[in-house]
Amino acid sequence: MNWMRIAGWLIFLALGAPSLQVAAAQEGIFLGGWGGLGLLDETQAEGDGGDLLIDYDPGTAFGMTLGYDLGTAFPEIGIGRIELEIARRSNDLEDVEFSDGTLGAAGKLSVTSIMLNSFAEYQTADPWLPYLGAGLGYARVSLEDARAESAPLADDHDWVFAYQFGAGIGYRIGQRLVLDLGYRYFATLDPEFNLADGTSTEWEYDSHTANLGLRFHF
């Protein structure tokens, strides 16, 4: 997979999304928070000791944002909002499939990320605010006290490049408050974890989050 090409497109989307805005918005700083349900795709972990397939239970996700709504003050950039987001996602392991069978699993896979996001809002029928956008950032992916049945599997972490795409709809409550219902696809480059048997593995990380949040515009 050509990660340089993906990164180039993500940078274009993350920094260029405001230019897609087609309607005016209120300029200024905003503070937001969100929480939701997080689902992980099945992970394929590849290593010297063989491949593993890991399934997860539904988990939690929450985050905080600090951003700036461009309003109509910067026509050379476009109309939209740019934000800095700190988020955490966490899912419990459900089972692990080895070459000779599947075992129940325990432990947790969690991600703490810091992202630069950019969203374009389409004010087609106030107070509804449909939007889409993308983000780039960095994430700490942690495999915490993972076990296959009672046998230790791994307890390690790695820092990796992260990216996300998002879409949703906001509902303006008065002049300063926006209720936000959205979806995020969040993924990272493959983190490397050392297993309990001394071998090293590369894990995939792809998540889907349905979130509900609020933004307060100052």
N, C-alpha and C. Protein backbone atom coordinates (compact mmCIF):
# COMPACT_ATOMS: atom_id res chain seq x y z
N MET A 1 0.85 -1.20 0.00
CA MET A 1 0.00 0.00 0.00
C MET A 1 0.89 1.25 0.00
N ASN A 2 0.59 2.23 -0.85
CA ASN A 2 1.40 3.43 -0.97
C ASN A 2 1.00 4.45 0.09
N TRP A 3 1.71 4.42 1.24
CA TRP A 3 1.35 5.30 2.34
C TRP A 3 1.66 6.76 2.04
N MET A 4 2.67 7.04 1.22
CA MET A 4 2.97 8.43 0.87
C MET A 4 1.82 9.04 0.08
N ARG A 5 1.22 8.24 -0.81
CA ARG A 5 0.08 8.75 -1.59
C ARG A 5 -1.12 8.99 -0.68
N ILE A 6 -1.37 8.03 0.25
CA ILE A 6 -2.47 8.21 1.20
C ILE A 6 -2.25 9.46 2.04
N ALA A 7 -1.03 9.63 2.54
CA ALA A 7 -0.73 10.80 3.36
C ALA A 7 -0.95 12.09 2.58
N GLY A 8 -0.56 12.08 1.28
CA GLY A 8 -0.76 13.28 0.47
C GLY A 8 -2.23 13.64 0.32
N TRP A 9 -3.07 12.63 0.05
CA TRP A 9 -4.50 12.88 -0.07
C TRP A 9 -5.10 13.33 1.26
N LEU A 10 -4.65 12.75 2.36
CA LEU A 10 -5.18 13.14 3.66
C LEU A 10 -4.80 14.57 4.00
N ILE A 11 -3.57 14.96 3.69
CA ILE A 11 -3.17 16.35 3.93
C ILE A 11 -4.04 17.30 3.11
N PHE A 12 -4.28 16.93 1.85
CA PHE A 12 -5.15 17.76 1.00
C PHE A 12 -6.54 17.90 1.60
N LEU A 13 -7.12 16.76 2.05
CA LEU A 13 -8.46 16.79 2.62
C LEU A 13 -8.50 17.53 3.94
N ALA A 14 -7.51 17.24 4.80
CA ALA A 14 -7.53 17.84 6.13
C ALA A 14 -7.37 19.34 6.09
N LEU A 15 -6.50 19.84 5.19
CA LEU A 15 -6.27 21.27 5.13
C LEU A 15 -7.14 21.97 4.10
N GLY A 16 -7.70 21.20 3.16
CA GLY A 16 -8.49 21.81 2.11
C GLY A 16 -9.98 21.68 2.27
N ALA A 17 -10.44 20.90 3.26
CA ALA A 17 -11.87 20.70 3.43
C ALA A 17 -12.64 21.99 3.63
N PRO A 18 -12.11 23.01 4.35
CA PRO A 18 -12.89 24.23 4.51
C PRO A 18 -13.27 24.89 3.20
N SER A 19 -12.45 24.72 2.16
CA SER A 19 -12.78 25.36 0.89
C SER A 19 -14.00 24.75 0.23
N LEU A 20 -14.45 23.58 0.73
CA LEU A 20 -15.64 22.95 0.18
C LEU A 20 -16.92 23.51 0.78
N GLN A 21 -16.76 24.34 1.80
CA GLN A 21 -17.93 24.89 2.49
C GLN A 21 -18.78 25.72 1.52
N VAL A 22 -20.08 25.60 1.64
CA VAL A 22 -20.93 26.32 0.70
C VAL A 22 -21.87 27.29 1.40
N ALA A 23 -21.73 27.47 2.69
CA ALA A 23 -22.62 28.40 3.38
C ALA A 23 -21.90 29.05 4.54
N ALA A 24 -22.36 30.22 4.94
CA ALA A 24 -21.70 30.99 5.98
C ALA A 24 -21.84 30.34 7.34
N ALA A 25 -20.86 30.61 8.22
CA ALA A 25 -20.89 30.09 9.58
C ALA A 25 -20.35 31.16 10.51
N GLN A 26 -20.58 31.00 11.80
CA GLN A 26 -20.13 31.96 12.78
C GLN A 26 -18.64 31.79 13.04
N GLU A 27 -17.89 32.90 12.95
CA GLU A 27 -16.45 32.86 13.14
C GLU A 27 -16.12 32.85 14.63
N GLY A 28 -15.05 32.14 15.01
CA GLY A 28 -14.57 32.21 16.37
C GLY A 28 -14.12 30.87 16.93
N ILE A 29 -13.60 30.92 18.16
CA ILE A 29 -13.10 29.74 18.85
C ILE A 29 -14.27 28.91 19.38
N PHE A 30 -14.07 27.58 19.36
CA PHE A 30 -15.08 26.70 19.96
C PHE A 30 -14.39 25.62 20.78
N LEU A 31 -15.12 25.09 21.74
CA LEU A 31 -14.67 24.00 22.59
C LEU A 31 -15.72 22.89 22.52
N GLY A 32 -15.28 21.66 22.34
CA GLY A 32 -16.24 20.57 22.18
C GLY A 32 -15.85 19.32 22.93
N GLY A 33 -16.81 18.44 23.05
CA GLY A 33 -16.58 17.14 23.64
C GLY A 33 -17.53 16.13 23.03
N TRP A 34 -17.10 14.86 22.96
CA TRP A 34 -17.96 13.84 22.37
C TRP A 34 -17.67 12.48 23.02
N GLY A 35 -18.62 11.59 22.90
CA GLY A 35 -18.47 10.22 23.37
C GLY A 35 -19.28 9.30 22.49
N GLY A 36 -18.92 8.01 22.49
CA GLY A 36 -19.66 7.12 21.62
C GLY A 36 -19.25 5.67 21.72
N LEU A 37 -19.78 4.90 20.79
CA LEU A 37 -19.56 3.47 20.69
C LEU A 37 -18.49 3.20 19.64
N GLY A 38 -17.49 2.39 20.01
CA GLY A 38 -16.42 2.09 19.08
C GLY A 38 -16.37 0.62 18.71
N LEU A 39 -16.30 0.33 17.42
CA LEU A 39 -16.21 -1.04 16.91
C LEU A 39 -14.89 -1.20 16.17
N LEU A 40 -14.19 -2.30 16.46
CA LEU A 40 -12.92 -2.59 15.80
C LEU A 40 -13.10 -3.69 14.76
N ASP A 41 -12.45 -3.50 13.60
CA ASP A 41 -12.39 -4.58 12.64
C ASP A 41 -11.52 -5.71 13.19
N GLU A 42 -11.76 -6.93 12.72
CA GLU A 42 -10.92 -8.05 13.11
C GLU A 42 -9.46 -7.75 12.77
N THR A 43 -8.57 -7.99 13.73
CA THR A 43 -7.16 -7.70 13.55
C THR A 43 -6.41 -8.92 13.06
N GLN A 44 -5.59 -8.73 12.05
CA GLN A 44 -4.63 -9.74 11.66
C GLN A 44 -3.27 -9.30 12.16
N ALA A 45 -2.69 -10.10 13.05
CA ALA A 45 -1.37 -9.81 13.60
C ALA A 45 -0.37 -10.75 12.95
N GLU A 46 0.64 -10.18 12.30
CA GLU A 46 1.64 -10.96 11.59
C GLU A 46 2.96 -10.90 12.32
N GLY A 47 3.56 -12.08 12.56
CA GLY A 47 4.82 -12.12 13.28
C GLY A 47 5.64 -13.33 12.93
N ASP A 48 6.86 -13.40 13.52
CA ASP A 48 7.77 -14.51 13.26
C ASP A 48 7.20 -15.83 13.77
N GLY A 49 6.38 -15.76 14.82
CA GLY A 49 5.83 -16.98 15.39
C GLY A 49 4.54 -17.44 14.74
N GLY A 50 4.13 -16.78 13.66
CA GLY A 50 2.89 -17.11 12.99
C GLY A 50 1.89 -15.98 13.07
N ASP A 51 0.79 -16.13 12.37
CA ASP A 51 -0.24 -15.09 12.33
C ASP A 51 -1.34 -15.38 13.34
N LEU A 52 -1.94 -14.29 13.84
CA LEU A 52 -3.07 -14.38 14.76
C LEU A 52 -4.24 -13.59 14.19
N LEU A 53 -5.46 -14.01 14.52
CA LEU A 53 -6.66 -13.23 14.22
C LEU A 53 -7.34 -12.91 15.54
N ILE A 54 -7.62 -11.63 15.77
CA ILE A 54 -8.17 -11.20 17.06
C ILE A 54 -9.50 -10.51 16.84
N ASP A 55 -10.50 -10.90 17.60
CA ASP A 55 -11.81 -10.24 17.60
C ASP A 55 -11.97 -9.46 18.90
N TYR A 56 -12.83 -8.43 18.85
CA TYR A 56 -12.99 -7.52 19.99
C TYR A 56 -14.47 -7.33 20.33
N ASP A 57 -14.72 -7.01 21.59
CA ASP A 57 -16.05 -6.58 22.00
C ASP A 57 -16.26 -5.12 21.60
N PRO A 58 -17.51 -4.69 21.46
CA PRO A 58 -17.75 -3.24 21.28
C PRO A 58 -17.15 -2.48 22.45
N GLY A 59 -16.64 -1.29 22.17
CA GLY A 59 -15.96 -0.52 23.19
C GLY A 59 -16.44 0.91 23.28
N THR A 60 -15.67 1.70 23.98
CA THR A 60 -16.02 3.10 24.19
C THR A 60 -15.02 4.02 23.51
N ALA A 61 -15.46 5.22 23.22
CA ALA A 61 -14.60 6.23 22.65
C ALA A 61 -15.07 7.60 23.15
N PHE A 62 -14.12 8.47 23.45
CA PHE A 62 -14.48 9.82 23.86
C PHE A 62 -13.34 10.76 23.53
N GLY A 63 -13.66 12.05 23.38
CA GLY A 63 -12.64 13.01 23.02
C GLY A 63 -13.04 14.44 23.34
N MET A 64 -12.06 15.32 23.26
CA MET A 64 -12.26 16.76 23.46
C MET A 64 -11.62 17.49 22.29
N THR A 65 -12.23 18.59 21.90
CA THR A 65 -11.73 19.37 20.77
C THR A 65 -11.63 20.85 21.13
N LEU A 66 -10.61 21.48 20.58
CA LEU A 66 -10.47 22.93 20.65
C LEU A 66 -10.19 23.40 19.24
N GLY A 67 -11.04 24.31 18.73
CA GLY A 67 -10.89 24.67 17.34
C GLY A 67 -11.29 26.09 17.03
N TYR A 68 -11.27 26.37 15.75
CA TYR A 68 -11.62 27.71 15.26
C TYR A 68 -12.53 27.57 14.05
N ASP A 69 -13.68 28.22 14.13
CA ASP A 69 -14.60 28.29 13.00
C ASP A 69 -14.19 29.47 12.13
N LEU A 70 -13.84 29.21 10.88
CA LEU A 70 -13.33 30.26 10.00
C LEU A 70 -14.39 31.27 9.61
N GLY A 71 -15.67 30.89 9.70
CA GLY A 71 -16.72 31.80 9.28
C GLY A 71 -16.48 32.26 7.85
N THR A 72 -16.62 33.55 7.60
CA THR A 72 -16.35 34.10 6.27
C THR A 72 -15.15 35.04 6.29
N ALA A 73 -14.34 34.94 7.35
CA ALA A 73 -13.24 35.89 7.53
C ALA A 73 -12.03 35.57 6.66
N PHE A 74 -11.94 34.33 6.14
CA PHE A 74 -10.76 33.94 5.36
C PHE A 74 -11.19 33.32 4.03
N PRO A 75 -11.69 34.13 3.12
CA PRO A 75 -12.19 33.58 1.84
C PRO A 75 -11.11 32.88 1.04
N GLU A 76 -9.82 33.24 1.25
CA GLU A 76 -8.75 32.59 0.51
C GLU A 76 -8.57 31.13 0.96
N ILE A 77 -9.01 30.81 2.16
CA ILE A 77 -8.95 29.44 2.67
C ILE A 77 -10.26 28.72 2.41
N GLY A 78 -11.36 29.40 2.67
CA GLY A 78 -12.68 28.81 2.54
C GLY A 78 -13.44 28.92 3.84
N ILE A 79 -14.61 28.36 3.87
CA ILE A 79 -15.49 28.43 5.04
C ILE A 79 -15.60 27.05 5.65
N GLY A 80 -15.22 26.92 6.90
CA GLY A 80 -15.26 25.64 7.58
C GLY A 80 -14.67 25.76 8.97
N ARG A 81 -14.28 24.66 9.56
CA ARG A 81 -13.70 24.70 10.91
C ARG A 81 -12.51 23.76 10.99
N ILE A 82 -11.50 24.19 11.75
CA ILE A 82 -10.30 23.42 11.98
C ILE A 82 -10.18 23.20 13.49
N GLU A 83 -9.77 21.99 13.91
CA GLU A 83 -9.75 21.70 15.33
C GLU A 83 -8.59 20.79 15.70
N LEU A 84 -8.18 20.91 16.96
CA LEU A 84 -7.24 19.99 17.56
C LEU A 84 -8.04 19.06 18.46
N GLU A 85 -7.86 17.74 18.28
CA GLU A 85 -8.65 16.75 19.00
C GLU A 85 -7.75 15.80 19.78
N ILE A 86 -8.08 15.59 21.05
CA ILE A 86 -7.46 14.55 21.86
C ILE A 86 -8.53 13.52 22.17
N ALA A 87 -8.27 12.25 21.86
CA ALA A 87 -9.30 11.23 21.99
C ALA A 87 -8.71 9.93 22.54
N ARG A 88 -9.58 9.12 23.11
CA ARG A 88 -9.20 7.79 23.57
C ARG A 88 -10.26 6.78 23.15
N ARG A 89 -9.79 5.67 22.61
CA ARG A 89 -10.66 4.57 22.19
C ARG A 89 -10.18 3.29 22.89
N SER A 90 -11.12 2.45 23.30
CA SER A 90 -10.76 1.25 24.06
C SER A 90 -11.73 0.12 23.76
N ASN A 91 -11.17 -1.07 23.51
CA ASN A 91 -11.98 -2.27 23.25
C ASN A 91 -11.35 -3.47 23.96
N ASP A 92 -12.19 -4.29 24.58
CA ASP A 92 -11.72 -5.54 25.19
C ASP A 92 -11.55 -6.61 24.13
N LEU A 93 -10.53 -7.46 24.31
CA LEU A 93 -10.35 -8.59 23.41
C LEU A 93 -11.43 -9.64 23.68
N GLU A 94 -11.94 -10.25 22.62
CA GLU A 94 -12.97 -11.28 22.75
C GLU A 94 -12.39 -12.68 22.57
N ASP A 95 -11.67 -12.90 21.47
CA ASP A 95 -11.03 -14.20 21.26
C ASP A 95 -9.83 -14.04 20.33
N VAL A 96 -8.96 -15.04 20.37
CA VAL A 96 -7.76 -15.06 19.53
C VAL A 96 -7.73 -16.38 18.77
N GLU A 97 -7.56 -16.30 17.46
CA GLU A 97 -7.49 -17.50 16.62
C GLU A 97 -6.04 -17.80 16.27
N PHE A 98 -5.57 -18.97 16.68
CA PHE A 98 -4.25 -19.45 16.32
C PHE A 98 -4.39 -20.45 15.16
N SER A 99 -3.26 -20.93 14.68
CA SER A 99 -3.31 -21.89 13.57
C SER A 99 -3.97 -23.19 13.97
N ASP A 100 -3.95 -23.51 15.30
CA ASP A 100 -4.51 -24.77 15.75
C ASP A 100 -5.81 -24.62 16.54
N GLY A 101 -6.43 -23.43 16.49
CA GLY A 101 -7.71 -23.27 17.18
C GLY A 101 -7.91 -21.87 17.72
N THR A 102 -9.09 -21.66 18.30
CA THR A 102 -9.47 -20.35 18.82
C THR A 102 -9.65 -20.43 20.33
N LEU A 103 -9.11 -19.42 21.03
CA LEU A 103 -9.22 -19.35 22.48
C LEU A 103 -9.90 -18.05 22.89
N GLY A 104 -10.64 -18.09 23.98
CA GLY A 104 -11.18 -16.87 24.54
C GLY A 104 -10.06 -15.97 25.02
N ALA A 105 -10.29 -14.68 24.96
CA ALA A 105 -9.22 -13.73 25.27
C ALA A 105 -9.67 -12.71 26.31
N ALA A 106 -8.70 -12.12 26.97
CA ALA A 106 -8.93 -11.03 27.92
C ALA A 106 -7.89 -9.95 27.66
N GLY A 107 -8.08 -8.81 28.29
CA GLY A 107 -7.19 -7.69 28.05
C GLY A 107 -7.85 -6.62 27.21
N LYS A 108 -7.08 -5.63 26.85
CA LYS A 108 -7.66 -4.45 26.21
C LYS A 108 -6.71 -3.90 25.16
N LEU A 109 -7.29 -3.43 24.06
CA LEU A 109 -6.55 -2.67 23.05
C LEU A 109 -7.07 -1.24 23.10
N SER A 110 -6.21 -0.30 23.41
CA SER A 110 -6.63 1.10 23.55
C SER A 110 -5.74 2.01 22.73
N VAL A 111 -6.30 3.15 22.35
CA VAL A 111 -5.58 4.13 21.55
C VAL A 111 -5.82 5.52 22.12
N THR A 112 -4.75 6.24 22.37
CA THR A 112 -4.83 7.66 22.73
C THR A 112 -4.23 8.45 21.58
N SER A 113 -4.99 9.39 21.04
CA SER A 113 -4.55 10.08 19.82
C SER A 113 -4.66 11.59 19.96
N ILE A 114 -3.82 12.27 19.22
CA ILE A 114 -3.94 13.72 19.04
C ILE A 114 -3.98 13.98 17.55
N MET A 115 -5.05 14.69 17.11
CA MET A 115 -5.32 14.83 15.68
C MET A 115 -5.56 16.30 15.31
N LEU A 116 -5.17 16.65 14.11
CA LEU A 116 -5.56 17.92 13.50
C LEU A 116 -6.63 17.61 12.47
N ASN A 117 -7.84 18.11 12.73
CA ASN A 117 -9.00 17.82 11.87
C ASN A 117 -9.47 19.07 11.14
N SER A 118 -10.08 18.86 10.01
CA SER A 118 -10.71 19.95 9.27
C SER A 118 -12.03 19.45 8.70
N PHE A 119 -13.10 20.23 8.91
CA PHE A 119 -14.43 19.82 8.47
C PHE A 119 -15.09 20.94 7.66
N ALA A 120 -15.81 20.54 6.63
CA ALA A 120 -16.63 21.45 5.85
C ALA A 120 -18.09 21.25 6.25
N GLU A 121 -18.77 22.32 6.58
CA GLU A 121 -20.19 22.25 6.95
C GLU A 121 -21.04 22.82 5.82
N TYR A 122 -22.20 22.21 5.63
CA TYR A 122 -23.11 22.63 4.56
C TYR A 122 -24.43 23.06 5.19
N GLN A 123 -24.59 24.36 5.31
CA GLN A 123 -25.79 24.88 5.97
C GLN A 123 -26.92 24.99 4.95
N THR A 124 -27.51 23.84 4.65
CA THR A 124 -28.57 23.81 3.64
C THR A 124 -29.92 24.24 4.19
N ALA A 125 -30.16 23.96 5.45
CA ALA A 125 -31.45 24.30 6.06
C ALA A 125 -31.23 24.51 7.55
N ASP A 126 -30.86 25.74 7.91
CA ASP A 126 -30.61 26.07 9.31
C ASP A 126 -31.82 25.64 10.15
N PRO A 127 -31.62 24.96 11.29
CA PRO A 127 -30.39 24.81 12.07
C PRO A 127 -29.60 23.53 11.80
N TRP A 128 -29.89 22.80 10.73
CA TRP A 128 -29.16 21.57 10.44
C TRP A 128 -27.85 21.87 9.74
N LEU A 129 -26.77 21.17 10.14
CA LEU A 129 -25.43 21.44 9.61
C LEU A 129 -24.73 20.13 9.21
N PRO A 130 -25.04 19.57 8.05
CA PRO A 130 -24.30 18.39 7.60
C PRO A 130 -22.82 18.74 7.39
N TYR A 131 -21.93 17.76 7.62
CA TYR A 131 -20.51 18.05 7.46
C TYR A 131 -19.75 16.79 7.04
N LEU A 132 -18.53 17.04 6.54
CA LEU A 132 -17.58 15.97 6.27
C LEU A 132 -16.18 16.54 6.40
N GLY A 133 -15.21 15.64 6.60
CA GLY A 133 -13.84 16.11 6.77
C GLY A 133 -12.86 14.98 7.00
N ALA A 134 -11.65 15.35 7.43
CA ALA A 134 -10.59 14.38 7.63
C ALA A 134 -9.62 14.90 8.65
N GLY A 135 -8.74 14.01 9.13
CA GLY A 135 -7.76 14.42 10.12
C GLY A 135 -6.48 13.61 10.02
N LEU A 136 -5.40 14.21 10.52
CA LEU A 136 -4.09 13.59 10.57
C LEU A 136 -3.54 13.73 11.98
N GLY A 137 -2.72 12.76 12.41
CA GLY A 137 -2.16 12.89 13.74
C GLY A 137 -1.25 11.75 14.13
N TYR A 138 -1.15 11.57 15.45
CA TYR A 138 -0.24 10.59 16.03
C TYR A 138 -0.99 9.88 17.15
N ALA A 139 -0.68 8.60 17.35
CA ALA A 139 -1.44 7.82 18.32
C ALA A 139 -0.53 6.86 19.08
N ARG A 140 -0.87 6.65 20.35
CA ARG A 140 -0.24 5.62 21.18
C ARG A 140 -1.20 4.43 21.24
N VAL A 141 -0.82 3.33 20.61
CA VAL A 141 -1.65 2.13 20.58
C VAL A 141 -1.11 1.17 21.64
N SER A 142 -1.97 0.77 22.58
CA SER A 142 -1.54 -0.04 23.72
C SER A 142 -2.30 -1.35 23.78
N LEU A 143 -1.57 -2.43 23.90
CA LEU A 143 -2.13 -3.74 24.14
C LEU A 143 -1.91 -4.04 25.62
N GLU A 144 -2.98 -3.99 26.42
CA GLU A 144 -2.87 -3.99 27.87
C GLU A 144 -3.27 -5.34 28.47
N ASP A 145 -2.29 -6.01 29.06
CA ASP A 145 -2.51 -7.26 29.78
C ASP A 145 -3.34 -8.25 28.96
N ALA A 146 -2.98 -8.41 27.70
CA ALA A 146 -3.71 -9.32 26.81
C ALA A 146 -3.38 -10.77 27.16
N ARG A 147 -4.44 -11.60 27.19
CA ARG A 147 -4.28 -13.01 27.52
C ARG A 147 -5.13 -13.87 26.59
N ALA A 148 -4.63 -15.07 26.31
CA ALA A 148 -5.40 -16.08 25.60
C ALA A 148 -5.73 -17.15 26.62
N GLU A 149 -7.01 -17.22 27.00
CA GLU A 149 -7.40 -17.99 28.18
C GLU A 149 -6.62 -17.45 29.37
N SER A 150 -5.82 -18.27 30.06
CA SER A 150 -5.07 -17.77 31.21
C SER A 150 -3.60 -17.49 30.87
N ALA A 151 -3.21 -17.73 29.61
CA ALA A 151 -1.81 -17.57 29.23
C ALA A 151 -1.54 -16.13 28.78
N PRO A 152 -0.46 -15.51 29.29
CA PRO A 152 -0.13 -14.15 28.85
C PRO A 152 0.11 -14.10 27.35
N LEU A 153 -0.39 -13.05 26.71
CA LEU A 153 -0.20 -12.87 25.27
C LEU A 153 0.72 -11.70 24.99
N ALA A 154 0.41 -10.52 25.56
CA ALA A 154 1.24 -9.34 25.33
C ALA A 154 0.82 -8.23 26.27
N ASP A 155 1.78 -7.34 26.54
CA ASP A 155 1.51 -6.11 27.29
C ASP A 155 2.54 -5.08 26.80
N ASP A 156 2.16 -4.33 25.78
CA ASP A 156 3.13 -3.47 25.10
C ASP A 156 2.40 -2.30 24.44
N HIS A 157 3.15 -1.32 23.93
CA HIS A 157 2.56 -0.19 23.22
C HIS A 157 3.50 0.29 22.13
N ASP A 158 2.95 1.10 21.22
CA ASP A 158 3.75 1.66 20.14
C ASP A 158 3.12 2.99 19.71
N TRP A 159 3.97 3.91 19.25
CA TRP A 159 3.51 5.20 18.72
C TRP A 159 3.52 5.14 17.19
N VAL A 160 2.40 5.51 16.56
CA VAL A 160 2.28 5.39 15.10
C VAL A 160 1.49 6.56 14.53
N PHE A 161 1.65 6.77 13.23
CA PHE A 161 0.89 7.75 12.48
C PHE A 161 -0.58 7.33 12.43
N ALA A 162 -1.49 8.30 12.55
CA ALA A 162 -2.93 8.01 12.54
C ALA A 162 -3.65 8.94 11.58
N TYR A 163 -4.80 8.48 11.08
CA TYR A 163 -5.61 9.30 10.19
C TYR A 163 -7.07 8.93 10.39
N GLN A 164 -7.96 9.83 10.01
CA GLN A 164 -9.38 9.55 10.13
C GLN A 164 -10.18 10.33 9.10
N PHE A 165 -11.36 9.80 8.81
CA PHE A 165 -12.36 10.47 7.99
C PHE A 165 -13.64 10.58 8.82
N GLY A 166 -14.39 11.65 8.64
CA GLY A 166 -15.59 11.82 9.43
C GLY A 166 -16.72 12.45 8.64
N ALA A 167 -17.94 12.17 9.07
CA ALA A 167 -19.14 12.76 8.49
C ALA A 167 -20.21 12.76 9.56
N GLY A 168 -21.18 13.64 9.42
CA GLY A 168 -22.26 13.69 10.39
C GLY A 168 -23.17 14.87 10.15
N ILE A 169 -23.91 15.20 11.18
CA ILE A 169 -24.83 16.33 11.09
C ILE A 169 -24.91 17.02 12.45
N GLY A 170 -24.84 18.33 12.41
CA GLY A 170 -24.99 19.13 13.61
C GLY A 170 -26.36 19.77 13.66
N TYR A 171 -26.77 20.11 14.88
CA TYR A 171 -28.04 20.81 15.07
C TYR A 171 -27.76 22.01 15.95
N ARG A 172 -27.98 23.20 15.41
CA ARG A 172 -27.67 24.43 16.14
C ARG A 172 -28.73 24.68 17.21
N ILE A 173 -28.27 24.75 18.47
CA ILE A 173 -29.14 25.06 19.61
C ILE A 173 -28.82 26.49 20.05
N GLY A 174 -29.60 27.43 19.64
CA GLY A 174 -29.31 28.82 19.95
C GLY A 174 -28.13 29.32 19.13
N GLN A 175 -27.46 30.37 19.61
CA GLN A 175 -26.39 31.01 18.85
C GLN A 175 -25.03 30.37 19.08
N ARG A 176 -24.83 29.70 20.22
CA ARG A 176 -23.49 29.26 20.59
C ARG A 176 -23.31 27.75 20.72
N LEU A 177 -24.37 27.01 20.79
CA LEU A 177 -24.27 25.58 21.08
C LEU A 177 -24.73 24.76 19.88
N VAL A 178 -23.93 23.73 19.55
CA VAL A 178 -24.26 22.82 18.44
C VAL A 178 -24.22 21.39 18.96
N LEU A 179 -25.30 20.67 18.75
CA LEU A 179 -25.37 19.24 19.03
C LEU A 179 -24.90 18.49 17.79
N ASP A 180 -24.03 17.49 17.99
CA ASP A 180 -23.36 16.84 16.86
C ASP A 180 -23.54 15.33 16.94
N LEU A 181 -24.08 14.74 15.87
CA LEU A 181 -24.17 13.30 15.72
C LEU A 181 -23.31 12.90 14.53
N GLY A 182 -22.29 12.05 14.78
CA GLY A 182 -21.36 11.80 13.70
C GLY A 182 -20.81 10.39 13.67
N TYR A 183 -20.03 10.14 12.63
CA TYR A 183 -19.33 8.87 12.42
C TYR A 183 -17.87 9.18 12.11
N ARG A 184 -16.96 8.35 12.68
CA ARG A 184 -15.54 8.48 12.38
C ARG A 184 -14.98 7.12 11.99
N TYR A 185 -14.24 7.11 10.89
CA TYR A 185 -13.39 5.97 10.57
C TYR A 185 -11.98 6.38 10.98
N PHE A 186 -11.40 5.66 11.95
CA PHE A 186 -10.09 6.01 12.49
C PHE A 186 -9.16 4.81 12.31
N ALA A 187 -7.95 5.06 11.82
CA ALA A 187 -7.01 3.97 11.58
C ALA A 187 -5.59 4.48 11.81
N THR A 188 -4.66 3.52 11.96
CA THR A 188 -3.26 3.85 12.15
C THR A 188 -2.39 2.97 11.25
N LEU A 189 -1.13 3.38 11.11
CA LEU A 189 -0.16 2.44 10.58
C LEU A 189 -0.03 1.28 11.57
N ASP A 190 0.47 0.15 11.11
CA ASP A 190 0.51 -1.05 11.96
C ASP A 190 1.48 -0.87 13.13
N PRO A 191 0.97 -0.90 14.37
CA PRO A 191 1.88 -0.86 15.52
C PRO A 191 2.59 -2.21 15.68
N GLU A 192 3.77 -2.18 16.29
CA GLU A 192 4.52 -3.40 16.57
C GLU A 192 4.46 -3.70 18.06
N PHE A 193 4.09 -4.93 18.40
CA PHE A 193 4.03 -5.37 19.78
C PHE A 193 4.92 -6.59 19.98
N ASN A 194 5.60 -6.63 21.14
CA ASN A 194 6.35 -7.81 21.54
C ASN A 194 5.43 -8.72 22.33
N LEU A 195 5.32 -9.99 21.90
CA LEU A 195 4.48 -10.95 22.59
C LEU A 195 5.22 -11.55 23.78
N ALA A 196 4.46 -12.23 24.61
CA ALA A 196 5.02 -12.82 25.82
C ALA A 196 6.05 -13.90 25.52
N ASP A 197 5.96 -14.53 24.34
CA ASP A 197 6.93 -15.58 23.99
C ASP A 197 8.20 -15.02 23.38
N GLY A 198 8.31 -13.67 23.32
CA GLY A 198 9.52 -13.04 22.81
C GLY A 198 9.49 -12.68 21.35
N THR A 199 8.48 -13.09 20.61
CA THR A 199 8.38 -12.76 19.20
C THR A 199 7.73 -11.38 19.02
N SER A 200 7.96 -10.78 17.86
CA SER A 200 7.42 -9.47 17.54
C SER A 200 6.31 -9.61 16.49
N THR A 201 5.26 -8.81 16.63
CA THR A 201 4.14 -8.86 15.69
C THR A 201 3.74 -7.46 15.26
N GLU A 202 3.16 -7.39 14.08
CA GLU A 202 2.56 -6.15 13.59
C GLU A 202 1.04 -6.33 13.59
N TRP A 203 0.33 -5.40 14.26
CA TRP A 203 -1.12 -5.48 14.38
C TRP A 203 -1.77 -4.42 13.51
N GLU A 204 -2.89 -4.78 12.90
CA GLU A 204 -3.71 -3.80 12.18
C GLU A 204 -4.61 -3.06 13.18
N TYR A 205 -4.93 -1.81 12.85
CA TYR A 205 -5.90 -1.10 13.68
C TYR A 205 -6.81 -0.26 12.79
N ASP A 206 -8.09 -0.64 12.73
CA ASP A 206 -9.13 0.09 12.00
C ASP A 206 -10.37 0.12 12.88
N SER A 207 -10.90 1.31 13.13
CA SER A 207 -12.05 1.41 14.02
C SER A 207 -13.16 2.26 13.40
N HIS A 208 -14.37 2.01 13.88
CA HIS A 208 -15.56 2.76 13.45
C HIS A 208 -16.24 3.28 14.72
N THR A 209 -16.51 4.58 14.76
CA THR A 209 -17.09 5.18 15.95
C THR A 209 -18.35 5.96 15.60
N ALA A 210 -19.43 5.67 16.30
CA ALA A 210 -20.64 6.49 16.25
C ALA A 210 -20.61 7.37 17.49
N ASN A 211 -20.64 8.68 17.31
CA ASN A 211 -20.44 9.58 18.46
C ASN A 211 -21.50 10.66 18.54
N LEU A 212 -21.74 11.09 19.75
CA LEU A 212 -22.65 12.20 20.05
C LEU A 212 -21.87 13.23 20.83
N GLY A 213 -21.95 14.49 20.41
CA GLY A 213 -21.15 15.52 21.07
C GLY A 213 -21.81 16.87 21.08
N LEU A 214 -21.13 17.80 21.75
CA LEU A 214 -21.57 19.20 21.83
C LEU A 214 -20.38 20.11 21.52
N ARG A 215 -20.65 21.20 20.83
CA ARG A 215 -19.66 22.25 20.61
C ARG A 215 -20.19 23.58 21.13
N PHE A 216 -19.36 24.26 21.91
CA PHE A 216 -19.72 25.59 22.40
C PHE A 216 -18.86 26.64 21.71
N HIS A 217 -19.50 27.58 21.02
CA HIS A 217 -18.80 28.64 20.30
C HIS A 217 -18.74 29.90 21.16
N PHE A 218 -17.55 30.38 21.37
CA PHE A 218 -17.35 31.57 22.22
C PHE A 218 -17.65 32.86 21.44
